[in-house]
Amino acid sequence: MSLDVQSEENLETIIQEMAKMLQVVNTSIMDPKDYDIKHYKELKSLYDLLKHKQQLTVAETQAFIEELRQYRKA
């Protein structure tokens, strides 16, 4: 499966994988249904950056979570 293709299924995969990588305890903030497909490119970019970086400081983790909030549905 290529995550380069914009789809609801790929969006769900990206959000779930980011939740694991960010070690989010409250998974309700990472519910794929709360994210809009129109932000797929931005979310995929964050996902790619996170995969590349592998380890984040606490401050970087907080910054990622803050960035993700921008892409949640209103």
N, C-alpha and C. Protein backbone atom coordinates (compact mmCIF):
# COMPACT_ATOMS: atom_id res chain seq x y z
N MET A 1 0.85 -1.18 0.00
CA MET A 1 0.00 0.00 0.00
C MET A 1 0.89 1.24 0.00
N SER A 2 0.60 2.14 -0.91
CA SER A 2 1.37 3.38 -1.01
C SER A 2 0.63 4.49 -0.28
N LEU A 3 1.31 5.09 0.68
CA LEU A 3 0.71 6.19 1.43
C LEU A 3 0.73 7.49 0.65
N ASP A 4 1.31 7.46 -0.55
CA ASP A 4 1.31 8.65 -1.39
C ASP A 4 -0.06 8.91 -2.01
N VAL A 5 -0.90 7.89 -2.02
CA VAL A 5 -2.24 8.01 -2.57
C VAL A 5 -3.18 8.52 -1.48
N GLN A 6 -3.85 9.63 -1.76
CA GLN A 6 -4.75 10.24 -0.79
C GLN A 6 -6.04 9.43 -0.71
N SER A 7 -6.26 8.84 0.48
CA SER A 7 -7.50 8.08 0.70
C SER A 7 -7.81 8.08 2.19
N GLU A 8 -9.05 7.80 2.52
CA GLU A 8 -9.45 7.73 3.93
C GLU A 8 -8.67 6.63 4.65
N GLU A 9 -8.47 5.52 3.98
CA GLU A 9 -7.74 4.39 4.56
C GLU A 9 -6.30 4.79 4.88
N ASN A 10 -5.65 5.48 3.94
CA ASN A 10 -4.26 5.91 4.16
C ASN A 10 -4.19 6.98 5.25
N LEU A 11 -5.18 7.86 5.30
CA LEU A 11 -5.22 8.87 6.35
C LEU A 11 -5.30 8.19 7.71
N GLU A 12 -6.14 7.18 7.82
CA GLU A 12 -6.27 6.43 9.07
C GLU A 12 -4.95 5.78 9.46
N THR A 13 -4.28 5.18 8.50
CA THR A 13 -2.98 4.55 8.76
C THR A 13 -1.96 5.57 9.25
N ILE A 14 -1.89 6.70 8.58
CA ILE A 14 -0.94 7.75 8.95
C ILE A 14 -1.19 8.24 10.37
N ILE A 15 -2.45 8.53 10.70
CA ILE A 15 -2.79 9.03 12.03
C ILE A 15 -2.46 7.99 13.10
N GLN A 16 -2.82 6.74 12.86
CA GLN A 16 -2.54 5.68 13.84
C GLN A 16 -1.05 5.46 14.03
N GLU A 17 -0.29 5.50 12.95
CA GLU A 17 1.15 5.33 13.06
C GLU A 17 1.81 6.49 13.80
N MET A 18 1.33 7.72 13.53
CA MET A 18 1.88 8.87 14.25
C MET A 18 1.57 8.78 15.74
N ALA A 19 0.39 8.30 16.09
CA ALA A 19 0.03 8.14 17.50
C ALA A 19 1.00 7.19 18.19
N LYS A 20 1.35 6.10 17.50
CA LYS A 20 2.32 5.15 18.05
C LYS A 20 3.70 5.78 18.19
N MET A 21 4.15 6.47 17.15
CA MET A 21 5.49 7.07 17.16
C MET A 21 5.60 8.17 18.21
N LEU A 22 4.50 8.90 18.41
CA LEU A 22 4.51 9.99 19.39
C LEU A 22 4.20 9.47 20.80
N GLN A 23 3.88 8.19 20.90
CA GLN A 23 3.56 7.54 22.17
C GLN A 23 2.45 8.30 22.90
N VAL A 24 1.40 8.59 22.15
CA VAL A 24 0.26 9.32 22.69
C VAL A 24 -0.50 8.42 23.65
N VAL A 25 -0.69 8.89 24.87
CA VAL A 25 -1.41 8.12 25.88
C VAL A 25 -2.91 8.26 25.67
N ASN A 26 -3.38 9.48 25.46
CA ASN A 26 -4.79 9.75 25.23
C ASN A 26 -5.06 9.62 23.73
N THR A 27 -5.37 8.42 23.30
CA THR A 27 -5.53 8.16 21.86
C THR A 27 -6.76 8.83 21.27
N SER A 28 -7.65 9.36 22.10
CA SER A 28 -8.83 10.03 21.56
C SER A 28 -8.45 11.28 20.76
N ILE A 29 -7.29 11.88 21.06
CA ILE A 29 -6.86 13.05 20.30
C ILE A 29 -6.28 12.66 18.94
N MET A 30 -6.10 11.37 18.74
CA MET A 30 -5.55 10.88 17.48
C MET A 30 -6.55 9.97 16.76
N ASP A 31 -7.84 10.26 16.90
CA ASP A 31 -8.87 9.49 16.22
C ASP A 31 -8.88 9.92 14.75
N PRO A 32 -8.61 9.00 13.83
CA PRO A 32 -8.56 9.36 12.40
C PRO A 32 -9.83 10.03 11.89
N LYS A 33 -10.97 9.74 12.49
CA LYS A 33 -12.24 10.34 12.06
C LYS A 33 -12.27 11.84 12.31
N ASP A 34 -11.41 12.32 13.20
CA ASP A 34 -11.38 13.74 13.55
C ASP A 34 -10.50 14.57 12.62
N TYR A 35 -9.88 13.93 11.65
CA TYR A 35 -8.98 14.63 10.74
C TYR A 35 -9.58 14.68 9.34
N ASP A 36 -9.44 15.81 8.71
CA ASP A 36 -10.04 16.04 7.41
C ASP A 36 -9.10 15.61 6.28
N ILE A 37 -9.63 14.88 5.34
CA ILE A 37 -8.85 14.38 4.20
C ILE A 37 -8.25 15.53 3.39
N LYS A 38 -8.84 16.71 3.45
CA LYS A 38 -8.30 17.83 2.68
C LYS A 38 -6.92 18.26 3.18
N HIS A 39 -6.53 17.81 4.37
CA HIS A 39 -5.21 18.11 4.92
C HIS A 39 -4.24 16.93 4.76
N TYR A 40 -4.58 16.03 3.85
CA TYR A 40 -3.78 14.82 3.69
C TYR A 40 -2.30 15.12 3.43
N LYS A 41 -2.03 16.05 2.52
CA LYS A 41 -0.63 16.36 2.17
C LYS A 41 0.15 16.83 3.39
N GLU A 42 -0.45 17.71 4.19
CA GLU A 42 0.23 18.23 5.37
C GLU A 42 0.46 17.12 6.40
N LEU A 43 -0.56 16.29 6.60
CA LEU A 43 -0.43 15.19 7.56
C LEU A 43 0.60 14.17 7.08
N LYS A 44 0.61 13.91 5.79
CA LYS A 44 1.62 12.97 5.24
C LYS A 44 3.02 13.53 5.40
N SER A 45 3.18 14.84 5.25
CA SER A 45 4.49 15.48 5.44
C SER A 45 4.95 15.33 6.89
N LEU A 46 4.03 15.54 7.82
CA LEU A 46 4.37 15.36 9.24
C LEU A 46 4.76 13.92 9.53
N TYR A 47 4.00 13.01 8.95
CA TYR A 47 4.28 11.58 9.11
C TYR A 47 5.68 11.24 8.59
N ASP A 48 5.99 11.72 7.39
CA ASP A 48 7.31 11.47 6.81
C ASP A 48 8.43 12.04 7.66
N LEU A 49 8.24 13.23 8.16
CA LEU A 49 9.23 13.86 9.03
C LEU A 49 9.42 13.06 10.31
N LEU A 50 8.33 12.62 10.87
CA LEU A 50 8.39 11.82 12.09
C LEU A 50 9.11 10.50 11.87
N LYS A 51 8.82 9.85 10.75
CA LYS A 51 9.50 8.58 10.43
C LYS A 51 11.00 8.80 10.24
N HIS A 52 11.35 9.91 9.60
CA HIS A 52 12.76 10.22 9.35
C HIS A 52 13.49 10.54 10.65
N LYS A 53 12.87 11.29 11.50
CA LYS A 53 13.48 11.75 12.75
C LYS A 53 13.67 10.61 13.75
N GLN A 54 12.70 9.70 13.85
CA GLN A 54 12.70 8.52 14.70
C GLN A 54 12.56 8.83 16.19
N GLN A 55 13.40 9.68 16.76
CA GLN A 55 13.29 10.01 18.18
C GLN A 55 13.09 11.51 18.33
N LEU A 56 12.17 11.86 19.25
CA LEU A 56 11.87 13.26 19.49
C LEU A 56 12.09 13.61 20.95
N THR A 57 12.46 14.85 21.18
CA THR A 57 12.51 15.34 22.55
C THR A 57 11.07 15.58 23.01
N VAL A 58 10.90 15.83 24.28
CA VAL A 58 9.57 16.12 24.80
C VAL A 58 9.01 17.38 24.13
N ALA A 59 9.84 18.39 23.96
CA ALA A 59 9.40 19.63 23.32
C ALA A 59 8.99 19.39 21.87
N GLU A 60 9.74 18.57 21.15
CA GLU A 60 9.41 18.25 19.76
C GLU A 60 8.09 17.48 19.67
N THR A 61 7.87 16.57 20.62
CA THR A 61 6.63 15.80 20.66
C THR A 61 5.45 16.74 20.86
N GLN A 62 5.58 17.67 21.80
CA GLN A 62 4.52 18.66 22.04
C GLN A 62 4.27 19.50 20.80
N ALA A 63 5.33 19.88 20.11
CA ALA A 63 5.20 20.68 18.89
C ALA A 63 4.44 19.90 17.81
N PHE A 64 4.74 18.62 17.68
CA PHE A 64 4.03 17.79 16.70
C PHE A 64 2.55 17.71 17.03
N ILE A 65 2.24 17.51 18.31
CA ILE A 65 0.84 17.41 18.72
C ILE A 65 0.11 18.73 18.48
N GLU A 66 0.79 19.83 18.76
CA GLU A 66 0.20 21.15 18.49
C GLU A 66 -0.07 21.32 17.00
N GLU A 67 0.86 20.91 16.19
CA GLU A 67 0.71 21.01 14.74
C GLU A 67 -0.48 20.16 14.26
N LEU A 68 -0.61 18.97 14.83
CA LEU A 68 -1.71 18.09 14.45
C LEU A 68 -3.07 18.70 14.77
N ARG A 69 -3.14 19.48 15.84
CA ARG A 69 -4.40 20.10 16.23
C ARG A 69 -4.95 21.00 15.13
N GLN A 70 -4.05 21.59 14.37
CA GLN A 70 -4.47 22.49 13.28
C GLN A 70 -5.27 21.77 12.20
N TYR A 71 -5.05 20.47 12.08
CA TYR A 71 -5.65 19.71 10.99
C TYR A 71 -6.88 18.90 11.41
N ARG A 72 -7.30 19.08 12.65
CA ARG A 72 -8.52 18.41 13.12
C ARG A 72 -9.73 19.13 12.55
N LYS A 73 -10.80 18.37 12.38
CA LYS A 73 -12.05 18.96 11.91
C LYS A 73 -12.58 19.90 12.99
N ALA A 74 -13.25 20.95 12.56
CA ALA A 74 -13.79 21.93 13.51
C ALA A 74 -14.95 21.40 14.29
